[in-house]
Amino acid sequence: MNARYLIAIAASLSVSATAFAAEGEALFKQSNCNMCHAAASASLGPSLKDIAAKYANAAGAQSKLEAKVRNGGKGSFGSMPMPATPKSVSDESIKIIIQWILSQK
């Protein structure tokens, strides 16, 4: 395969990953998730790095966390319950936010 094509493919994948990260972070902030969660340290809720680490090898982590974000929950990181996400935040936005959170290291 021509080196130009490989370079173009690699560049497009890099741009896609960067755009995905920017979208996930923007939705995270727009949805006010940052009111309780921070990137590296626990506040009211666990840090994004702690969430990503806990679910790194868990089967079905994406769908489990999507349901928890949508409906709320408690007990995964202590006694503080997580409230349900308002219906104004779409399921697609939650999916993107969770993918972004799980990519945090």
PDB file of N, CA and C in Angstrom:
ATOM      1  N   MET A   1       0.848  -1.177   0.000  1.00  0.00           N
ATOM      2  CA  MET A   1       0.000   0.000   0.000  1.00  0.00           C
ATOM      3  C   MET A   1       0.886   1.230   0.000  1.00  0.00           C
ATOM      4  N   ASN A   2       0.435   2.213  -0.677  1.00  0.00           N
ATOM      5  CA  ASN A   2       1.182   3.447  -0.802  1.00  0.00           C
ATOM      6  C   ASN A   2       1.308   4.146   0.553  1.00  0.00           C
ATOM      7  N   ALA A   3       2.476   4.660   0.837  1.00  0.00           N
ATOM      8  CA  ALA A   3       2.733   5.326   2.117  1.00  0.00           C
ATOM      9  C   ALA A   3       1.813   6.528   2.322  1.00  0.00           C
ATOM     10  N   ARG A   4       1.454   7.218   1.233  1.00  0.00           N
ATOM     11  CA  ARG A   4       0.549   8.364   1.351  1.00  0.00           C
ATOM     12  C   ARG A   4      -0.786   7.952   1.943  1.00  0.00           C
ATOM     13  N   TYR A   5      -1.293   6.797   1.501  1.00  0.00           N
ATOM     14  CA  TYR A   5      -2.577   6.323   1.999  1.00  0.00           C
ATOM     15  C   TYR A   5      -2.498   5.949   3.477  1.00  0.00           C
ATOM     16  N   LEU A   6      -1.404   5.334   3.874  1.00  0.00           N
ATOM     17  CA  LEU A   6      -1.229   4.988   5.279  1.00  0.00           C
ATOM     18  C   LEU A   6      -1.160   6.232   6.158  1.00  0.00           C
ATOM     19  N   ILE A   7      -0.459   7.235   5.677  1.00  0.00           N
ATOM     20  CA  ILE A   7      -0.366   8.486   6.422  1.00  0.00           C
ATOM     21  C   ILE A   7      -1.742   9.150   6.518  1.00  0.00           C
ATOM     22  N   ALA A   8      -2.494   9.147   5.432  1.00  0.00           N
ATOM     23  CA  ALA A   8      -3.832   9.752   5.430  1.00  0.00           C
ATOM     24  C   ALA A   8      -4.765   9.014   6.385  1.00  0.00           C
ATOM     25  N   ILE A   9      -4.693   7.694   6.399  1.00  0.00           N
ATOM     26  CA  ILE A   9      -5.533   6.895   7.300  1.00  0.00           C
ATOM     27  C   ILE A   9      -5.159   7.185   8.751  1.00  0.00           C
ATOM     28  N   ALA A  10      -3.872   7.200   9.043  1.00  0.00           N
ATOM     29  CA  ALA A  10      -3.424   7.477  10.409  1.00  0.00           C
ATOM     30  C   ALA A  10      -3.852   8.879  10.850  1.00  0.00           C
ATOM     31  N   ALA A  11      -3.745   9.839   9.974  1.00  0.00           N
ATOM     32  CA  ALA A  11      -4.140  11.211  10.313  1.00  0.00           C
ATOM     33  C   ALA A  11      -5.633  11.304  10.575  1.00  0.00           C
ATOM     34  N   SER A  12      -6.429  10.626   9.759  1.00  0.00           N
ATOM     35  CA  SER A  12      -7.881  10.693   9.960  1.00  0.00           C
ATOM     36  C   SER A  12      -8.279  10.021  11.269  1.00  0.00           C
ATOM     37  N   LEU A  13      -7.619   8.936  11.624  1.00  0.00           N
ATOM     38  CA  LEU A  13      -7.922   8.283  12.899  1.00  0.00           C
ATOM     39  C   LEU A  13      -7.540   9.176  14.069  1.00  0.00           C
ATOM     40  N   SER A  14      -6.446   9.876  13.950  1.00  0.00           N
ATOM     41  CA  SER A  14      -6.004  10.787  15.002  1.00  0.00           C
ATOM     42  C   SER A  14      -6.992  11.932  15.163  1.00  0.00           C
ATOM     43  N   VAL A  15      -7.459  12.489  14.063  1.00  0.00           N
ATOM     44  CA  VAL A  15      -8.431  13.573  14.108  1.00  0.00           C
ATOM     45  C   VAL A  15      -9.734  13.066  14.706  1.00  0.00           C
ATOM     46  N   SER A  16     -10.164  11.853  14.330  1.00  0.00           N
ATOM     47  CA  SER A  16     -11.401  11.289  14.866  1.00  0.00           C
ATOM     48  C   SER A  16     -11.305  11.108  16.376  1.00  0.00           C
ATOM     49  N   ALA A  17     -10.190  10.614  16.863  1.00  0.00           N
ATOM     50  CA  ALA A  17     -10.006  10.409  18.300  1.00  0.00           C
ATOM     51  C   ALA A  17     -10.019  11.741  19.040  1.00  0.00           C
ATOM     52  N   THR A  18      -9.398  12.749  18.455  1.00  0.00           N
ATOM     53  CA  THR A  18      -9.376  14.065  19.069  1.00  0.00           C
ATOM     54  C   THR A  18     -10.776  14.674  19.097  1.00  0.00           C
ATOM     55  N   ALA A  19     -11.517  14.532  18.003  1.00  0.00           N
ATOM     56  CA  ALA A  19     -12.882  15.061  17.944  1.00  0.00           C
ATOM     57  C   ALA A  19     -13.773  14.338  18.943  1.00  0.00           C
ATOM     58  N   PHE A  20     -13.610  13.024  19.052  1.00  0.00           N
ATOM     59  CA  PHE A  20     -14.386  12.230  20.013  1.00  0.00           C
ATOM     60  C   PHE A  20     -14.117  12.702  21.433  1.00  0.00           C
ATOM     61  N   ALA A  21     -12.862  12.910  21.772  1.00  0.00           N
ATOM     62  CA  ALA A  21     -12.499  13.358  23.113  1.00  0.00           C
ATOM     63  C   ALA A  21     -13.093  14.731  23.396  1.00  0.00           C
ATOM     64  N   ALA A  22     -13.024  15.620  22.433  1.00  0.00           N
ATOM     65  CA  ALA A  22     -13.576  16.965  22.622  1.00  0.00           C
ATOM     66  C   ALA A  22     -15.092  16.906  22.793  1.00  0.00           C
ATOM     67  N   GLU A  23     -15.768  16.073  22.014  1.00  0.00           N
ATOM     68  CA  GLU A  23     -17.219  15.952  22.124  1.00  0.00           C
ATOM     69  C   GLU A  23     -17.616  15.357  23.478  1.00  0.00           C
ATOM     70  N   GLY A  24     -16.923  14.300  23.897  1.00  0.00           N
ATOM     71  CA  GLY A  24     -17.223  13.675  25.181  1.00  0.00           C
ATOM     72  C   GLY A  24     -17.039  14.632  26.333  1.00  0.00           C
ATOM     73  N   GLU A  25     -15.959  15.367  26.323  1.00  0.00           N
ATOM     74  CA  GLU A  25     -15.696  16.326  27.394  1.00  0.00           C
ATOM     75  C   GLU A  25     -16.723  17.462  27.378  1.00  0.00           C
ATOM     76  N   ALA A  26     -17.068  17.942  26.183  1.00  0.00           N
ATOM     77  CA  ALA A  26     -18.052  19.020  26.078  1.00  0.00           C
ATOM     78  C   ALA A  26     -19.415  18.570  26.601  1.00  0.00           C
ATOM     79  N   LEU A  27     -19.847  17.371  26.234  1.00  0.00           N
ATOM     80  CA  LEU A  27     -21.126  16.849  26.717  1.00  0.00           C
ATOM     81  C   LEU A  27     -21.103  16.629  28.224  1.00  0.00           C
ATOM     82  N   PHE A  28     -19.980  16.161  28.743  1.00  0.00           N
ATOM     83  CA  PHE A  28     -19.799  15.965  30.177  1.00  0.00           C
ATOM     84  C   PHE A  28     -20.044  17.278  30.921  1.00  0.00           C
ATOM     85  N   LYS A  29     -19.474  18.348  30.409  1.00  0.00           N
ATOM     86  CA  LYS A  29     -19.627  19.662  31.047  1.00  0.00           C
ATOM     87  C   LYS A  29     -21.029  20.232  30.828  1.00  0.00           C
ATOM     88  N   GLN A  30     -21.549  20.117  29.614  1.00  0.00           N
ATOM     89  CA  GLN A  30     -22.896  20.623  29.307  1.00  0.00           C
ATOM     90  C   GLN A  30     -23.951  19.947  30.169  1.00  0.00           C
ATOM     91  N   SER A  31     -23.752  18.683  30.456  1.00  0.00           N
ATOM     92  CA  SER A  31     -24.723  17.906  31.231  1.00  0.00           C
ATOM     93  C   SER A  31     -24.522  18.070  32.735  1.00  0.00           C
ATOM     94  N   ASN A  32     -23.580  18.915  33.111  1.00  0.00           N
ATOM     95  CA  ASN A  32     -23.269  19.224  34.517  1.00  0.00           C
ATOM     96  C   ASN A  32     -22.710  18.047  35.301  1.00  0.00           C
ATOM     97  N   CYS A  33     -22.139  17.068  34.622  1.00  0.00           N
ATOM     98  CA  CYS A  33     -21.509  15.943  35.308  1.00  0.00           C
ATOM     99  C   CYS A  33     -20.323  16.430  36.140  1.00  0.00           C
ATOM    100  N   ASN A  34     -19.697  17.513  35.664  1.00  0.00           N
ATOM    101  CA  ASN A  34     -18.529  18.056  36.359  1.00  0.00           C
ATOM    102  C   ASN A  34     -18.889  18.727  37.689  1.00  0.00           C
ATOM    103  N   MET A  35     -20.165  18.826  37.996  1.00  0.00           N
ATOM    104  CA  MET A  35     -20.566  19.365  39.298  1.00  0.00           C
ATOM    105  C   MET A  35     -20.221  18.366  40.413  1.00  0.00           C
ATOM    106  N   CYS A  36     -20.184  17.081  40.081  1.00  0.00           N
ATOM    107  CA  CYS A  36     -19.911  16.048  41.090  1.00  0.00           C
ATOM    108  C   CYS A  36     -18.668  15.211  40.786  1.00  0.00           C
ATOM    109  N   HIS A  37     -18.185  15.264  39.552  1.00  0.00           N
ATOM    110  CA  HIS A  37     -17.050  14.426  39.149  1.00  0.00           C
ATOM    111  C   HIS A  37     -15.923  15.288  38.592  1.00  0.00           C
ATOM    112  N   ALA A  38     -14.701  14.961  38.963  1.00  0.00           N
ATOM    113  CA  ALA A  38     -13.507  15.622  38.445  1.00  0.00           C
ATOM    114  C   ALA A  38     -12.631  14.572  37.758  1.00  0.00           C
ATOM    115  N   ALA A  39     -11.702  15.026  36.969  1.00  0.00           N
ATOM    116  CA  ALA A  39     -10.865  14.107  36.202  1.00  0.00           C
ATOM    117  C   ALA A  39     -10.026  13.178  37.075  1.00  0.00           C
ATOM    118  N   ALA A  40      -9.289  13.740  38.023  1.00  0.00           N
ATOM    119  CA  ALA A  40      -8.310  12.935  38.744  1.00  0.00           C
ATOM    120  C   ALA A  40      -8.563  12.780  40.233  1.00  0.00           C
ATOM    121  N   SER A  41      -9.499  13.540  40.781  1.00  0.00           N
ATOM    122  CA  SER A  41      -9.712  13.435  42.225  1.00  0.00           C
ATOM    123  C   SER A  41     -11.198  13.316  42.532  1.00  0.00           C
ATOM    124  N   ALA A  42     -11.490  12.607  43.599  1.00  0.00           N
ATOM    125  CA  ALA A  42     -12.876  12.446  44.022  1.00  0.00           C
ATOM    126  C   ALA A  42     -13.384  13.763  44.591  1.00  0.00           C
ATOM    127  N   SER A  43     -14.635  14.053  44.325  1.00  0.00           N
ATOM    128  CA  SER A  43     -15.295  15.191  44.952  1.00  0.00           C
ATOM    129  C   SER A  43     -16.596  14.642  45.535  1.00  0.00           C
ATOM    130  N   LEU A  44     -17.748  15.082  45.097  1.00  0.00           N
ATOM    131  CA  LEU A  44     -18.980  14.440  45.557  1.00  0.00           C
ATOM    132  C   LEU A  44     -19.075  13.012  45.020  1.00  0.00           C
ATOM    133  N   GLY A  45     -18.614  12.841  43.795  1.00  0.00           N
ATOM    134  CA  GLY A  45     -18.600  11.521  43.170  1.00  0.00           C
ATOM    135  C   GLY A  45     -17.175  11.088  42.893  1.00  0.00           C
ATOM    136  N   PRO A  46     -17.013   9.863  42.421  1.00  0.00           N
ATOM    137  CA  PRO A  46     -15.664   9.373  42.125  1.00  0.00           C
ATOM    138  C   PRO A  46     -15.039  10.115  40.943  1.00  0.00           C
ATOM    139  N   SER A  47     -13.717  10.083  40.889  1.00  0.00           N
ATOM    140  CA  SER A  47     -13.024  10.715  39.763  1.00  0.00           C
ATOM    141  C   SER A  47     -13.248   9.890  38.500  1.00  0.00           C
ATOM    142  N   LEU A  48     -13.067  10.537  37.369  1.00  0.00           N
ATOM    143  CA  LEU A  48     -13.199   9.838  36.092  1.00  0.00           C
ATOM    144  C   LEU A  48     -12.157   8.734  35.966  1.00  0.00           C
ATOM    145  N   LYS A  49     -10.970   8.996  36.465  1.00  0.00           N
ATOM    146  CA  LYS A  49      -9.907   7.976  36.414  1.00  0.00           C
ATOM    147  C   LYS A  49     -10.272   6.766  37.264  1.00  0.00           C
ATOM    148  N   ASP A  50     -10.892   6.992  38.418  1.00  0.00           N
ATOM    149  CA  ASP A  50     -11.315   5.871  39.259  1.00  0.00           C
ATOM    150  C   ASP A  50     -12.425   5.057  38.584  1.00  0.00           C
ATOM    151  N   ILE A  51     -13.350   5.749  37.938  1.00  0.00           N
ATOM    152  CA  ILE A  51     -14.426   5.050  37.229  1.00  0.00           C
ATOM    153  C   ILE A  51     -13.839   4.219  36.097  1.00  0.00           C
ATOM    154  N   ALA A  52     -12.967   4.835  35.296  1.00  0.00           N
ATOM    155  CA  ALA A  52     -12.355   4.121  34.168  1.00  0.00           C
ATOM    156  C   ALA A  52     -11.555   2.916  34.647  1.00  0.00           C
ATOM    157  N   ALA A  53     -10.827   3.076  35.736  1.00  0.00           N
ATOM    158  CA  ALA A  53     -10.025   1.965  36.269  1.00  0.00           C
ATOM    159  C   ALA A  53     -10.915   0.835  36.778  1.00  0.00           C
ATOM    160  N   LYS A  54     -11.972   1.181  37.485  1.00  0.00           N
ATOM    161  CA  LYS A  54     -12.847   0.158  38.053  1.00  0.00           C
ATOM    162  C   LYS A  54     -13.518  -0.677  36.965  1.00  0.00           C
ATOM    163  N   TYR A  55     -13.898  -0.031  35.871  1.00  0.00           N
ATOM    164  CA  TYR A  55     -14.647  -0.718  34.829  1.00  0.00           C
ATOM    165  C   TYR A  55     -13.799  -1.101  33.617  1.00  0.00           C
ATOM    166  N   ALA A  56     -12.480  -0.968  33.720  1.00  0.00           N
ATOM    167  CA  ALA A  56     -11.589  -1.213  32.588  1.00  0.00           C
ATOM    168  C   ALA A  56     -11.762  -2.596  31.972  1.00  0.00           C
ATOM    169  N   ASN A  57     -11.913  -3.605  32.767  1.00  0.00           N
ATOM    170  CA  ASN A  57     -12.016  -4.971  32.247  1.00  0.00           C
ATOM    171  C   ASN A  57     -13.371  -5.605  32.522  1.00  0.00           C
ATOM    172  N   ALA A  58     -14.340  -4.798  32.884  1.00  0.00           N
ATOM    173  CA  ALA A  58     -15.668  -5.316  33.226  1.00  0.00           C
ATOM    174  C   ALA A  58     -16.495  -5.546  31.974  1.00  0.00           C
ATOM    175  N   ALA A  59     -17.044  -6.740  31.863  1.00  0.00           N
ATOM    176  CA  ALA A  59     -17.923  -7.053  30.740  1.00  0.00           C
ATOM    177  C   ALA A  59     -19.189  -6.216  30.850  1.00  0.00           C
ATOM    178  N   GLY A  60     -19.595  -5.624  29.763  1.00  0.00           N
ATOM    179  CA  GLY A  60     -20.817  -4.836  29.747  1.00  0.00           C
ATOM    180  C   GLY A  60     -20.727  -3.501  30.464  1.00  0.00           C
ATOM    181  N   ALA A  61     -19.517  -3.013  30.674  1.00  0.00           N
ATOM    182  CA  ALA A  61     -19.334  -1.760  31.417  1.00  0.00           C
ATOM    183  C   ALA A  61     -20.066  -0.596  30.757  1.00  0.00           C
ATOM    184  N   GLN A  62     -19.987  -0.498  29.453  1.00  0.00           N
ATOM    185  CA  GLN A  62     -20.623   0.618  28.739  1.00  0.00           C
ATOM    186  C   GLN A  62     -22.126   0.660  29.034  1.00  0.00           C
ATOM    187  N   SER A  63     -22.820  -0.436  28.822  1.00  0.00           N
ATOM    188  CA  SER A  63     -24.272  -0.435  29.023  1.00  0.00           C
ATOM    189  C   SER A  63     -24.640  -0.309  30.500  1.00  0.00           C
ATOM    190  N   LYS A  64     -23.856  -0.911  31.372  1.00  0.00           N
ATOM    191  CA  LYS A  64     -24.114  -0.807  32.818  1.00  0.00           C
ATOM    192  C   LYS A  64     -24.012   0.644  33.281  1.00  0.00           C
ATOM    193  N   LEU A  65     -22.973   1.337  32.828  1.00  0.00           N
ATOM    194  CA  LEU A  65     -22.793   2.725  33.232  1.00  0.00           C
ATOM    195  C   LEU A  65     -23.812   3.654  32.570  1.00  0.00           C
ATOM    196  N   GLU A  66     -24.193   3.361  31.335  1.00  0.00           N
ATOM    197  CA  GLU A  66     -25.242   4.153  30.690  1.00  0.00           C
ATOM    198  C   GLU A  66     -26.527   4.083  31.509  1.00  0.00           C
ATOM    199  N   ALA A  67     -26.903   2.882  31.959  1.00  0.00           N
ATOM    200  CA  ALA A  67     -28.117   2.712  32.765  1.00  0.00           C
ATOM    201  C   ALA A  67     -27.985   3.438  34.096  1.00  0.00           C
ATOM    202  N   LYS A  68     -26.807   3.358  34.709  1.00  0.00           N
ATOM    203  CA  LYS A  68     -26.602   4.020  36.004  1.00  0.00           C
ATOM    204  C   LYS A  68     -26.681   5.535  35.851  1.00  0.00           C
ATOM    205  N   VAL A  69     -26.106   6.062  34.795  1.00  0.00           N
ATOM    206  CA  VAL A  69     -26.158   7.505  34.572  1.00  0.00           C
ATOM    207  C   VAL A  69     -27.597   7.939  34.293  1.00  0.00           C
ATOM    208  N   ARG A  70     -28.309   7.190  33.487  1.00  0.00           N
ATOM    209  CA  ARG A  70     -29.691   7.546  33.151  1.00  0.00           C
ATOM    210  C   ARG A  70     -30.608   7.471  34.386  1.00  0.00           C
ATOM    211  N   ASN A  71     -30.510   6.379  35.140  1.00  0.00           N
ATOM    212  CA  ASN A  71     -31.468   6.103  36.220  1.00  0.00           C
ATOM    213  C   ASN A  71     -30.978   6.457  37.617  1.00  0.00           C
ATOM    214  N   GLY A  72     -29.700   6.738  37.762  1.00  0.00           N
ATOM    215  CA  GLY A  72     -29.129   6.975  39.085  1.00  0.00           C
ATOM    216  C   GLY A  72     -28.749   5.650  39.732  1.00  0.00           C
ATOM    217  N   GLY A  73     -28.133   5.710  40.872  1.00  0.00           N
ATOM    218  CA  GLY A  73     -27.726   4.488  41.559  1.00  0.00           C
ATOM    219  C   GLY A  73     -26.913   4.814  42.788  1.00  0.00           C
ATOM    220  N   LYS A  74     -26.554   3.786  43.513  1.00  0.00           N
ATOM    221  CA  LYS A  74     -25.714   3.977  44.698  1.00  0.00           C
ATOM    222  C   LYS A  74     -24.971   2.691  44.995  1.00  0.00           C
ATOM    223  N   GLY A  75     -23.949   2.822  45.820  1.00  0.00           N
ATOM    224  CA  GLY A  75     -23.224   1.661  46.301  1.00  0.00           C
ATOM    225  C   GLY A  75     -21.978   1.274  45.542  1.00  0.00           C
ATOM    226  N   SER A  76     -21.747   1.807  44.366  1.00  0.00           N
ATOM    227  CA  SER A  76     -20.559   1.415  43.599  1.00  0.00           C
ATOM    228  C   SER A  76     -19.285   2.059  44.126  1.00  0.00           C
ATOM    229  N   PHE A  77     -19.393   3.275  44.634  1.00  0.00           N
ATOM    230  CA  PHE A  77     -18.225   4.015  45.116  1.00  0.00           C
ATOM    231  C   PHE A  77     -18.475   4.615  46.492  1.00  0.00           C
ATOM    232  N   GLY A  78     -19.339   4.019  47.259  1.00  0.00           N
ATOM    233  CA  GLY A  78     -19.627   4.550  48.585  1.00  0.00           C
ATOM    234  C   GLY A  78     -21.121   4.766  48.772  1.00  0.00           C
ATOM    235  N   SER A  79     -21.460   5.487  49.800  1.00  0.00           N
ATOM    236  CA  SER A  79     -22.864   5.625  50.163  1.00  0.00           C
ATOM    237  C   SER A  79     -23.574   6.788  49.476  1.00  0.00           C
ATOM    238  N   MET A  80     -22.836   7.713  48.873  1.00  0.00           N
ATOM    239  CA  MET A  80     -23.458   8.866  48.213  1.00  0.00           C
ATOM    240  C   MET A  80     -24.189   8.401  46.949  1.00  0.00           C
ATOM    241  N   PRO A  81     -25.522   8.567  46.884  1.00  0.00           N
ATOM    242  CA  PRO A  81     -26.243   8.139  45.686  1.00  0.00           C
ATOM    243  C   PRO A  81     -26.029   9.105  44.525  1.00  0.00           C
ATOM    244  N   MET A  82     -26.040   8.553  43.329  1.00  0.00           N
ATOM    245  CA  MET A  82     -25.962   9.366  42.125  1.00  0.00           C
ATOM    246  C   MET A  82     -27.388   9.593  41.644  1.00  0.00           C
ATOM    247  N   PRO A  83     -27.781  10.849  41.444  1.00  0.00           N
ATOM    248  CA  PRO A  83     -29.145  11.105  40.975  1.00  0.00           C
ATOM    249  C   PRO A  83     -29.316  10.711  39.512  1.00  0.00           C
ATOM    250  N   ALA A  84     -30.543  10.473  39.128  1.00  0.00           N
ATOM    251  CA  ALA A  84     -30.849  10.183  37.723  1.00  0.00           C
ATOM    252  C   ALA A  84     -30.528  11.410  36.876  1.00  0.00           C
ATOM    253  N   THR A  85     -30.145  11.171  35.647  1.00  0.00           N
ATOM    254  CA  THR A  85     -29.855  12.256  34.717  1.00  0.00           C
ATOM    255  C   THR A  85     -31.167  12.776  34.137  1.00  0.00           C
ATOM    256  N   PRO A  86     -31.308  14.086  34.033  1.00  0.00           N
ATOM    257  CA  PRO A  86     -32.537  14.648  33.469  1.00  0.00           C
ATOM    258  C   PRO A  86     -32.800  14.136  32.047  1.00  0.00           C
ATOM    259  N   LYS A  87     -34.055  14.036  31.681  1.00  0.00           N
ATOM    260  CA  LYS A  87     -34.447  13.567  30.338  1.00  0.00           C
ATOM    261  C   LYS A  87     -33.961  14.514  29.247  1.00  0.00           C
ATOM    262  N   SER A  88     -33.591  15.738  29.621  1.00  0.00           N
ATOM    263  CA  SER A  88     -33.076  16.681  28.625  1.00  0.00           C
ATOM    264  C   SER A  88     -31.723  16.244  28.065  1.00  0.00           C
ATOM    265  N   VAL A  89     -31.046  15.323  28.748  1.00  0.00           N
ATOM    266  CA  VAL A  89     -29.786  14.758  28.251  1.00  0.00           C
ATOM    267  C   VAL A  89     -30.150  13.491  27.484  1.00  0.00           C
ATOM    268  N   SER A  90     -29.828  13.463  26.203  1.00  0.00           N
ATOM    269  CA  SER A  90     -30.220  12.340  25.351  1.00  0.00           C
ATOM    270  C   SER A  90     -29.439  11.068  25.680  1.00  0.00           C
ATOM    271  N   ASP A  91     -30.031   9.940  25.313  1.00  0.00           N
ATOM    272  CA  ASP A  91     -29.336   8.657  25.485  1.00  0.00           C
ATOM    273  C   ASP A  91     -28.045   8.634  24.672  1.00  0.00           C
ATOM    274  N   GLU A  92     -28.053   9.251  23.495  1.00  0.00           N
ATOM    275  CA  GLU A  92     -26.845   9.304  22.664  1.00  0.00           C
ATOM    276  C   GLU A  92     -25.752  10.111  23.357  1.00  0.00           C
ATOM    277  N   SER A  93     -26.124  11.204  24.010  1.00  0.00           N
ATOM    278  CA  SER A  93     -25.139  12.000  24.752  1.00  0.00           C
ATOM    279  C   SER A  93     -24.552  11.195  25.903  1.00  0.00           C
ATOM    280  N   ILE A  94     -25.401  10.468  26.612  1.00  0.00           N
ATOM    281  CA  ILE A  94     -24.916   9.626  27.711  1.00  0.00           C
ATOM    282  C   ILE A  94     -23.954   8.579  27.179  1.00  0.00           C
ATOM    283  N   LYS A  95     -24.273   7.984  26.052  1.00  0.00           N
ATOM    284  CA  LYS A  95     -23.388   6.972  25.445  1.00  0.00           C
ATOM    285  C   LYS A  95     -22.006   7.574  25.164  1.00  0.00           C
ATOM    286  N   ILE A  96     -21.985   8.750  24.576  1.00  0.00           N
ATOM    287  CA  ILE A  96     -20.708   9.407  24.248  1.00  0.00           C
ATOM    288  C   ILE A  96     -19.949   9.777  25.519  1.00  0.00           C
ATOM    289  N   ILE A  97     -20.648  10.286  26.511  1.00  0.00           N
ATOM    290  CA  ILE A  97     -20.005  10.646  27.785  1.00  0.00           C
ATOM    291  C   ILE A  97     -19.362   9.420  28.420  1.00  0.00           C
ATOM    292  N   ILE A  98     -20.087   8.299  28.451  1.00  0.00           N
ATOM    293  CA  ILE A  98     -19.553   7.073  29.065  1.00  0.00           C
ATOM    294  C   ILE A  98     -18.345   6.562  28.283  1.00  0.00           C
ATOM    295  N   GLN A  99     -18.415   6.583  26.971  1.00  0.00           N
ATOM    296  CA  GLN A  99     -17.251   6.165  26.171  1.00  0.00           C
ATOM    297  C   GLN A  99     -16.044   7.031  26.511  1.00  0.00           C
ATOM    298  N   TRP A 100     -16.272   8.317  26.643  1.00  0.00           N
ATOM    299  CA  TRP A 100     -15.181   9.235  26.970  1.00  0.00           C
ATOM    300  C   TRP A 100     -14.644   8.958  28.376  1.00  0.00           C
ATOM    301  N   ILE A 101     -15.541   8.768  29.338  1.00  0.00           N
ATOM    302  CA  ILE A 101     -15.096   8.477  30.717  1.00  0.00           C
ATOM    303  C   ILE A 101     -14.263   7.199  30.746  1.00  0.00           C
ATOM    304  N   LEU A 102     -14.720   6.165  30.066  1.00  0.00           N
ATOM    305  CA  LEU A 102     -13.990   4.898  30.062  1.00  0.00           C
ATOM    306  C   LEU A 102     -12.630   4.999  29.370  1.00  0.00           C
ATOM    307  N   SER A 103     -12.446   6.047  28.571  1.00  0.00           N
ATOM    308  CA  SER A 103     -11.148   6.232  27.906  1.00  0.00           C
ATOM    309  C   SER A 103     -10.145   6.997  28.774  1.00  0.00           C
ATOM    310  N   GLN A 104     -10.596   7.502  29.928  1.00  0.00           N
ATOM    311  CA  GLN A 104      -9.714   8.261  30.824  1.00  0.00           C
ATOM    312  C   GLN A 104      -8.740   7.328  31.524  1.00  0.00           C
ATOM    313  N   LYS A 105      -7.503   7.716  31.593  1.00  0.00           N
ATOM    314  CA  LYS A 105      -6.494   6.873  32.229  1.00  0.00           C
ATOM    315  C   LYS A 105      -5.644   7.686  33.173  1.00  0.00           C
TER     316      LYS A 105
END
